[in-house]
PDB file of all heavy atoms in Angstrom:
ATOM      1  N   ARG A   1     177.903   9.012  39.446  1.00  0.00           N
ATOM      2  CA  ARG A   1     178.763   9.454  38.261  1.00  0.00           C
ATOM      3  C   ARG A   1     179.547  10.755  38.587  1.00  0.00           C
ATOM      4  O   ARG A   1     178.917  11.667  39.267  1.00  0.00           O
ATOM      5  CB  ARG A   1     177.897   9.578  37.160  1.00  0.00           C
ATOM      6  CG  ARG A   1     178.721   9.563  35.764  1.00  0.00           C
ATOM      7  CD  ARG A   1     177.676   9.258  34.552  1.00  0.00           C
ATOM      8  NE  ARG A   1     178.290   9.330  33.371  1.00  0.00           N
ATOM      9  CZ  ARG A   1     179.189   8.514  32.767  1.00  0.00           C
ATOM     10  NH1 ARG A   1     179.431   7.342  33.466  1.00  0.00           N
ATOM     11  NH2 ARG A   1     179.630   8.647  31.565  1.00  0.00           N
ATOM     12  N   ILE A   2     180.718  10.937  38.059  1.00  0.00           N
ATOM     13  CA  ILE A   2     181.546  12.175  38.275  1.00  0.00           C
ATOM     14  C   ILE A   2     182.196  12.587  37.096  1.00  0.00           C
ATOM     15  O   ILE A   2     182.745  11.820  36.320  1.00  0.00           O
ATOM     16  CB  ILE A   2     182.511  11.864  39.409  1.00  0.00           C
ATOM     17  CG1 ILE A   2     183.234  13.320  39.722  1.00  0.00           C
ATOM     18  CG2 ILE A   2     183.464  10.800  39.088  1.00  0.00           C
ATOM     19  CD1 ILE A   2     184.028  13.185  40.965  1.00  0.00           C
ATOM     20  N   THR A   3     182.190  13.924  36.641  1.00  0.00           N
ATOM     21  CA  THR A   3     182.773  14.331  35.434  1.00  0.00           C
ATOM     22  C   THR A   3     184.230  14.747  35.727  1.00  0.00           C
ATOM     23  O   THR A   3     184.649  14.625  36.872  1.00  0.00           O
ATOM     24  CB  THR A   3     182.057  15.664  34.976  1.00  0.00           C
ATOM     25  OG1 THR A   3     182.258  16.715  35.855  1.00  0.00           O
ATOM     26  CG2 THR A   3     180.613  15.382  34.706  1.00  0.00           C
ATOM     27  N   THR A   4     184.900  15.063  34.663  1.00  0.00           N
ATOM     28  CA  THR A   4     186.333  15.504  34.894  1.00  0.00           C
ATOM     29  C   THR A   4     186.499  16.613  35.814  1.00  0.00           C
ATOM     30  O   THR A   4     187.419  16.781  36.625  1.00  0.00           O
ATOM     31  CB  THR A   4     186.902  15.832  33.593  1.00  0.00           C
ATOM     32  OG1 THR A   4     186.966  14.580  32.680  1.00  0.00           O
ATOM     33  CG2 THR A   4     188.471  16.103  33.729  1.00  0.00           C
ATOM     34  N   GLY A   5     185.571  17.683  35.708  1.00  0.00           N
ATOM     35  CA  GLY A   5     185.538  18.704  36.521  1.00  0.00           C
ATOM     36  C   GLY A   5     185.078  18.566  37.953  1.00  0.00           C
ATOM     37  O   GLY A   5     185.111  19.506  38.800  1.00  0.00           O
ATOM     38  N   GLY A   6     184.562  17.313  38.283  1.00  0.00           N
ATOM     39  CA  GLY A   6     184.149  17.072  39.639  1.00  0.00           C
ATOM     40  C   GLY A   6     182.576  17.190  39.930  1.00  0.00           C
ATOM     41  O   GLY A   6     182.233  16.868  41.095  1.00  0.00           O
ATOM     42  N   ALA A   7     181.819  17.449  38.939  1.00  0.00           N
ATOM     43  CA  ALA A   7     180.402  17.438  39.060  1.00  0.00           C
ATOM     44  C   ALA A   7     179.927  15.946  39.249  1.00  0.00           C
ATOM     45  O   ALA A   7     180.374  15.105  38.558  1.00  0.00           O
ATOM     46  CB  ALA A   7     179.643  18.029  37.853  1.00  0.00           C
ATOM     47  N   THR A   8     179.011  15.860  40.131  1.00  0.00           N
ATOM     48  CA  THR A   8     178.566  14.510  40.517  1.00  0.00           C
ATOM     49  C   THR A   8     176.994  14.273  40.402  1.00  0.00           C
ATOM     50  O   THR A   8     176.198  15.343  40.549  1.00  0.00           O
ATOM     51  CB  THR A   8     178.920  14.083  42.003  1.00  0.00           C
ATOM     52  OG1 THR A   8     178.374  15.193  42.810  1.00  0.00           O
ATOM     53  CG2 THR A   8     180.379  14.180  42.082  1.00  0.00           C
ATOM     54  N   ASN A   9     176.539  13.081  40.182  1.00  0.00           N
ATOM     55  CA  ASN A   9     175.200  12.755  40.298  1.00  0.00           C
ATOM     56  C   ASN A   9     174.994  11.356  41.069  1.00  0.00           C
ATOM     57  O   ASN A   9     175.933  10.587  40.901  1.00  0.00           O
ATOM     58  CB  ASN A   9     174.516  12.467  38.865  1.00  0.00           C
ATOM     59  CG  ASN A   9     174.350  13.833  38.228  1.00  0.00           C
ATOM     60  OD1 ASN A   9     173.638  14.672  38.600  1.00  0.00           O
ATOM     61  ND2 ASN A   9     175.206  14.086  37.141  1.00  0.00           N
ATOM     62  N   TYR A  10     173.992  11.255  41.798  1.00  0.00           N
ATOM     63  CA  TYR A  10     173.774  10.107  42.734  1.00  0.00           C
ATOM     64  C   TYR A  10     172.374   9.511  42.471  1.00  0.00           C
ATOM     65  O   TYR A  10     171.477  10.274  42.218  1.00  0.00           O
ATOM     66  CB  TYR A  10     173.956  10.407  44.158  1.00  0.00           C
ATOM     67  CG  TYR A  10     175.416  10.780  44.470  1.00  0.00           C
ATOM     68  CD1 TYR A  10     175.738  12.205  44.498  1.00  0.00           C
ATOM     69  CD2 TYR A  10     176.333   9.912  44.823  1.00  0.00           C
ATOM     70  CE1 TYR A  10     177.052  12.556  44.935  1.00  0.00           C
ATOM     71  CE2 TYR A  10     177.671  10.231  45.193  1.00  0.00           C
ATOM     72  CZ  TYR A  10     178.047  11.556  45.240  1.00  0.00           C
ATOM     73  OH  TYR A  10     179.326  12.064  45.616  1.00  0.00           O
ATOM     74  N   ALA A  11     172.271   8.267  42.605  1.00  0.00           N
ATOM     75  CA  ALA A  11     170.915   7.632  42.704  1.00  0.00           C
ATOM     76  C   ALA A  11     170.255   8.096  43.989  1.00  0.00           C
ATOM     77  O   ALA A  11     171.053   8.307  44.961  1.00  0.00           O
ATOM     78  CB  ALA A  11     171.023   6.167  42.683  1.00  0.00           C
ATOM     79  N   ASP A  12     168.958   8.415  43.972  1.00  0.00           N
ATOM     80  CA  ASP A  12     168.378   8.826  45.217  1.00  0.00           C
ATOM     81  C   ASP A  12     168.535   7.915  46.376  1.00  0.00           C
ATOM     82  O   ASP A  12     168.573   8.316  47.510  1.00  0.00           O
ATOM     83  CB  ASP A  12     166.902   9.064  44.902  1.00  0.00           C
ATOM     84  CG  ASP A  12     166.570  10.208  43.916  1.00  0.00           C
ATOM     85  OD1 ASP A  12     167.360  11.158  43.918  1.00  0.00           O
ATOM     86  OD2 ASP A  12     165.527  10.156  43.435  1.00  0.00           O
ATOM     87  N   SER A  13     168.621   6.624  46.077  1.00  0.00           N
ATOM     88  CA  SER A  13     168.698   5.598  47.150  1.00  0.00           C
ATOM     89  C   SER A  13     170.066   5.696  47.923  1.00  0.00           C
ATOM     90  O   SER A  13     170.153   5.166  48.989  1.00  0.00           O
ATOM     91  CB  SER A  13     168.556   4.203  46.529  1.00  0.00           C
ATOM     92  OG  SER A  13     169.600   3.960  45.676  1.00  0.00           O
ATOM     93  N   VAL A  14     171.145   6.350  47.321  1.00  0.00           N
ATOM     94  CA  VAL A  14     172.434   6.326  48.043  1.00  0.00           C
ATOM     95  C   VAL A  14     172.796   7.804  48.437  1.00  0.00           C
ATOM     96  O   VAL A  14     173.743   8.023  48.944  1.00  0.00           O
ATOM     97  CB  VAL A  14     173.592   5.731  47.098  1.00  0.00           C
ATOM     98  CG1 VAL A  14     173.114   4.300  46.762  1.00  0.00           C
ATOM     99  CG2 VAL A  14     173.802   6.562  45.958  1.00  0.00           C
ATOM    100  N   LYS A  15     172.052   8.843  47.977  1.00  0.00           N
ATOM    101  CA  LYS A  15     172.334  10.219  48.138  1.00  0.00           C
ATOM    102  C   LYS A  15     172.525  10.455  49.745  1.00  0.00           C
ATOM    103  O   LYS A  15     171.581  10.009  50.435  1.00  0.00           O
ATOM    104  CB  LYS A  15     171.347  11.099  47.537  1.00  0.00           C
ATOM    105  CG  LYS A  15     171.752  12.647  47.524  1.00  0.00           C
ATOM    106  CD  LYS A  15     170.777  13.376  46.671  1.00  0.00           C
ATOM    107  CE  LYS A  15     170.864  12.927  45.187  1.00  0.00           C
ATOM    108  NZ  LYS A  15     169.884  13.669  44.233  1.00  0.00           N
ATOM    109  N   GLY A  16     173.490  11.118  50.181  1.00  0.00           N
ATOM    110  CA  GLY A  16     173.746  11.515  51.536  1.00  0.00           C
ATOM    111  C   GLY A  16     174.553  10.298  52.203  1.00  0.00           C
ATOM    112  O   GLY A  16     175.001  10.592  53.360  1.00  0.00           O
ATOM    113  N   ARG A  17     174.685   9.082  51.564  1.00  0.00           N
ATOM    114  CA  ARG A  17     175.274   8.062  52.235  1.00  0.00           C
ATOM    115  C   ARG A  17     176.650   7.645  51.445  1.00  0.00           C
ATOM    116  O   ARG A  17     177.641   7.301  52.022  1.00  0.00           O
ATOM    117  CB  ARG A  17     174.501   6.757  52.274  1.00  0.00           C
ATOM    118  CG  ARG A  17     173.196   6.982  53.175  1.00  0.00           C
ATOM    119  CD  ARG A  17     172.534   5.559  53.401  1.00  0.00           C
ATOM    120  NE  ARG A  17     172.101   5.092  52.036  1.00  0.00           N
ATOM    121  CZ  ARG A  17     172.442   3.917  51.555  1.00  0.00           C
ATOM    122  NH1 ARG A  17     173.304   3.120  52.250  1.00  0.00           N
ATOM    123  NH2 ARG A  17     171.949   3.479  50.398  1.00  0.00           N
ATOM    124  N   PHE A  18     176.660   7.773  50.207  1.00  0.00           N
ATOM    125  CA  PHE A  18     177.728   7.415  49.286  1.00  0.00           C
ATOM    126  C   PHE A  18     178.373   8.696  48.748  1.00  0.00           C
ATOM    127  O   PHE A  18     177.691   9.802  48.471  1.00  0.00           O
ATOM    128  CB  PHE A  18     177.378   6.616  48.072  1.00  0.00           C
ATOM    129  CG  PHE A  18     176.868   5.253  48.394  1.00  0.00           C
ATOM    130  CD1 PHE A  18     176.768   4.845  49.775  1.00  0.00           C
ATOM    131  CD2 PHE A  18     176.648   4.260  47.408  1.00  0.00           C
ATOM    132  CE1 PHE A  18     176.338   3.476  50.055  1.00  0.00           C
ATOM    133  CE2 PHE A  18     176.167   2.987  47.711  1.00  0.00           C
ATOM    134  CZ  PHE A  18     175.999   2.579  48.985  1.00  0.00           C
ATOM    135  N   THR A  19     179.710   8.663  48.517  1.00  0.00           N
ATOM    136  CA  THR A  19     180.456   9.898  47.957  1.00  0.00           C
ATOM    137  C   THR A  19     181.413   9.333  46.929  1.00  0.00           C
ATOM    138  O   THR A  19     182.278   8.506  47.139  1.00  0.00           O
ATOM    139  CB  THR A  19     181.211  10.535  49.049  1.00  0.00           C
ATOM    140  OG1 THR A  19     180.439  11.082  49.978  1.00  0.00           O
ATOM    141  CG2 THR A  19     181.965  11.837  48.285  1.00  0.00           C
ATOM    142  N   ILE A  20     181.285   9.893  45.688  1.00  0.00           N
ATOM    143  CA  ILE A  20     182.162   9.502  44.592  1.00  0.00           C
ATOM    144  C   ILE A  20     183.194  10.535  44.454  1.00  0.00           C
ATOM    145  O   ILE A  20     182.986  11.765  44.529  1.00  0.00           O
ATOM    146  CB  ILE A  20     181.336   9.346  43.155  1.00  0.00           C
ATOM    147  CG1 ILE A  20     182.323   8.619  42.163  1.00  0.00           C
ATOM    148  CG2 ILE A  20     180.742  10.573  42.844  1.00  0.00           C
ATOM    149  CD1 ILE A  20     181.560   8.316  40.852  1.00  0.00           C
ATOM    150  N   SER A  21     184.423  10.093  44.136  1.00  0.00           N
ATOM    151  CA  SER A  21     185.524  11.099  43.990  1.00  0.00           C
ATOM    152  C   SER A  21     186.414  10.439  42.975  1.00  0.00           C
ATOM    153  O   SER A  21     186.362   9.332  42.561  1.00  0.00           O
ATOM    154  CB  SER A  21     186.227  11.445  45.228  1.00  0.00           C
ATOM    155  OG  SER A  21     186.742  10.229  45.783  1.00  0.00           O
ATOM    156  N   ARG A  22     187.402  11.219  42.494  1.00  0.00           N
ATOM    157  CA  ARG A  22     188.411  10.827  41.461  1.00  0.00           C
ATOM    158  C   ARG A  22     189.715  11.433  41.585  1.00  0.00           C
ATOM    159  O   ARG A  22     189.787  12.591  42.112  1.00  0.00           O
ATOM    160  CB  ARG A  22     187.871  10.987  40.011  1.00  0.00           C
ATOM    161  CG  ARG A  22     187.722  12.466  39.588  1.00  0.00           C
ATOM    162  CD  ARG A  22     186.901  12.528  38.269  1.00  0.00           C
ATOM    163  NE  ARG A  22     187.708  12.040  37.184  1.00  0.00           N
ATOM    164  CZ  ARG A  22     187.152  11.805  35.948  1.00  0.00           C
ATOM    165  NH1 ARG A  22     185.838  11.955  35.668  1.00  0.00           N
ATOM    166  NH2 ARG A  22     188.016  11.380  34.923  1.00  0.00           N
ATOM    167  N   ASP A  23     190.767  10.780  41.119  1.00  0.00           N
ATOM    168  CA  ASP A  23     192.110  11.407  40.960  1.00  0.00           C
ATOM    169  C   ASP A  23     192.371  11.372  39.516  1.00  0.00           C
ATOM    170  O   ASP A  23     192.654  10.438  38.919  1.00  0.00           O
ATOM    171  CB  ASP A  23     193.049  10.435  41.786  1.00  0.00           C
ATOM    172  CG  ASP A  23     194.437  10.949  41.706  1.00  0.00           C
ATOM    173  OD1 ASP A  23     194.778  11.800  40.904  1.00  0.00           O
ATOM    174  OD2 ASP A  23     195.249  10.629  42.635  1.00  0.00           O
ATOM    175  N   ASN A  24     192.271  12.629  38.894  1.00  0.00           N
ATOM    176  CA  ASN A  24     192.462  12.770  37.540  1.00  0.00           C
ATOM    177  C   ASN A  24     193.844  12.362  37.025  1.00  0.00           C
ATOM    178  O   ASN A  24     194.062  11.955  36.034  1.00  0.00           O
ATOM    179  CB  ASN A  24     192.172  14.312  37.097  1.00  0.00           C
ATOM    180  CG  ASN A  24     190.677  14.496  37.138  1.00  0.00           C
ATOM    181  OD1 ASN A  24     189.841  13.627  36.893  1.00  0.00           O
ATOM    182  ND2 ASN A  24     190.371  15.789  37.399  1.00  0.00           N
ATOM    183  N   ALA A  25     194.892  12.762  37.877  1.00  0.00           N
ATOM    184  CA  ALA A  25     196.318  12.369  37.527  1.00  0.00           C
ATOM    185  C   ALA A  25     196.454  10.806  37.313  1.00  0.00           C
ATOM    186  O   ALA A  25     197.247  10.430  36.516  1.00  0.00           O
ATOM    187  CB  ALA A  25     197.190  12.930  38.545  1.00  0.00           C
ATOM    188  N   LYS A  26     195.701  10.104  38.140  1.00  0.00           N
ATOM    189  CA  LYS A  26     195.886   8.612  38.113  1.00  0.00           C
ATOM    190  C   LYS A  26     194.772   7.871  37.311  1.00  0.00           C
ATOM    191  O   LYS A  26     194.680   6.671  37.212  1.00  0.00           O
ATOM    192  CB  LYS A  26     196.049   8.147  39.484  1.00  0.00           C
ATOM    193  CG  LYS A  26     197.322   8.526  40.225  1.00  0.00           C
ATOM    194  CD  LYS A  26     197.283   7.810  41.518  1.00  0.00           C
ATOM    195  CE  LYS A  26     198.473   8.352  42.344  1.00  0.00           C
ATOM    196  NZ  LYS A  26     198.722   7.711  43.762  1.00  0.00           N
ATOM    197  N   ASN A  27     193.837   8.824  36.805  1.00  0.00           N
ATOM    198  CA  ASN A  27     192.586   8.145  36.209  1.00  0.00           C
ATOM    199  C   ASN A  27     191.965   7.033  36.992  1.00  0.00           C
ATOM    200  O   ASN A  27     191.685   5.910  36.653  1.00  0.00           O
ATOM    201  CB  ASN A  27     192.877   7.620  34.829  1.00  0.00           C
ATOM    202  CG  ASN A  27     193.177   8.731  33.880  1.00  0.00           C
ATOM    203  OD1 ASN A  27     192.616   9.768  33.874  1.00  0.00           O
ATOM    204  ND2 ASN A  27     194.146   8.406  32.939  1.00  0.00           N
ATOM    205  N   THR A  28     191.740   7.428  38.307  1.00  0.00           N
ATOM    206  CA  THR A  28     191.176   6.468  39.266  1.00  0.00           C
ATOM    207  C   THR A  28     189.922   7.041  39.869  1.00  0.00           C
ATOM    208  O   THR A  28     189.887   8.268  40.113  1.00  0.00           O
ATOM    209  CB  THR A  28     192.280   6.159  40.506  1.00  0.00           C
ATOM    210  OG1 THR A  28     193.466   5.492  39.847  1.00  0.00           O
ATOM    211  CG2 THR A  28     191.686   5.194  41.466  1.00  0.00           C
ATOM    212  N   VAL A  29     189.001   6.207  40.065  1.00  0.00           N
ATOM    213  CA  VAL A  29     187.666   6.721  40.776  1.00  0.00           C
ATOM    214  C   VAL A  29     187.519   5.877  41.965  1.00  0.00           C
ATOM    215  O   VAL A  29     187.809   4.655  42.080  1.00  0.00           O
ATOM    216  CB  VAL A  29     186.562   6.599  39.728  1.00  0.00           C
ATOM    217  CG1 VAL A  29     186.231   5.112  39.392  1.00  0.00           C
ATOM    218  CG2 VAL A  29     185.331   7.324  40.344  1.00  0.00           C
ATOM    219  N   PHE A  30     186.838   6.568  43.052  1.00  0.00           N
ATOM    220  CA  PHE A  30     186.461   5.953  44.272  1.00  0.00           C
ATOM    221  C   PHE A  30     185.118   5.953  44.608  1.00  0.00           C
ATOM    222  O   PHE A  30     184.355   6.939  44.148  1.00  0.00           O
ATOM    223  CB  PHE A  30     187.359   6.678  45.407  1.00  0.00           C
ATOM    224  CG  PHE A  30     188.832   6.729  45.085  1.00  0.00           C
ATOM    225  CD1 PHE A  30     189.417   7.831  44.425  1.00  0.00           C
ATOM    226  CD2 PHE A  30     189.722   5.664  45.384  1.00  0.00           C
ATOM    227  CE1 PHE A  30     190.773   7.880  44.171  1.00  0.00           C
ATOM    228  CE2 PHE A  30     190.941   5.770  45.134  1.00  0.00           C
ATOM    229  CZ  PHE A  30     191.582   6.817  44.565  1.00  0.00           C
TER     230      PHE A  30
END
């Protein structure tokens, strides 16, 4: 999960392997 400001939270099972990011201008999340 990611906030508008860029703060993130990950499940323990994916931490270190997955990265969430977003483009606020396009309201898109990756």
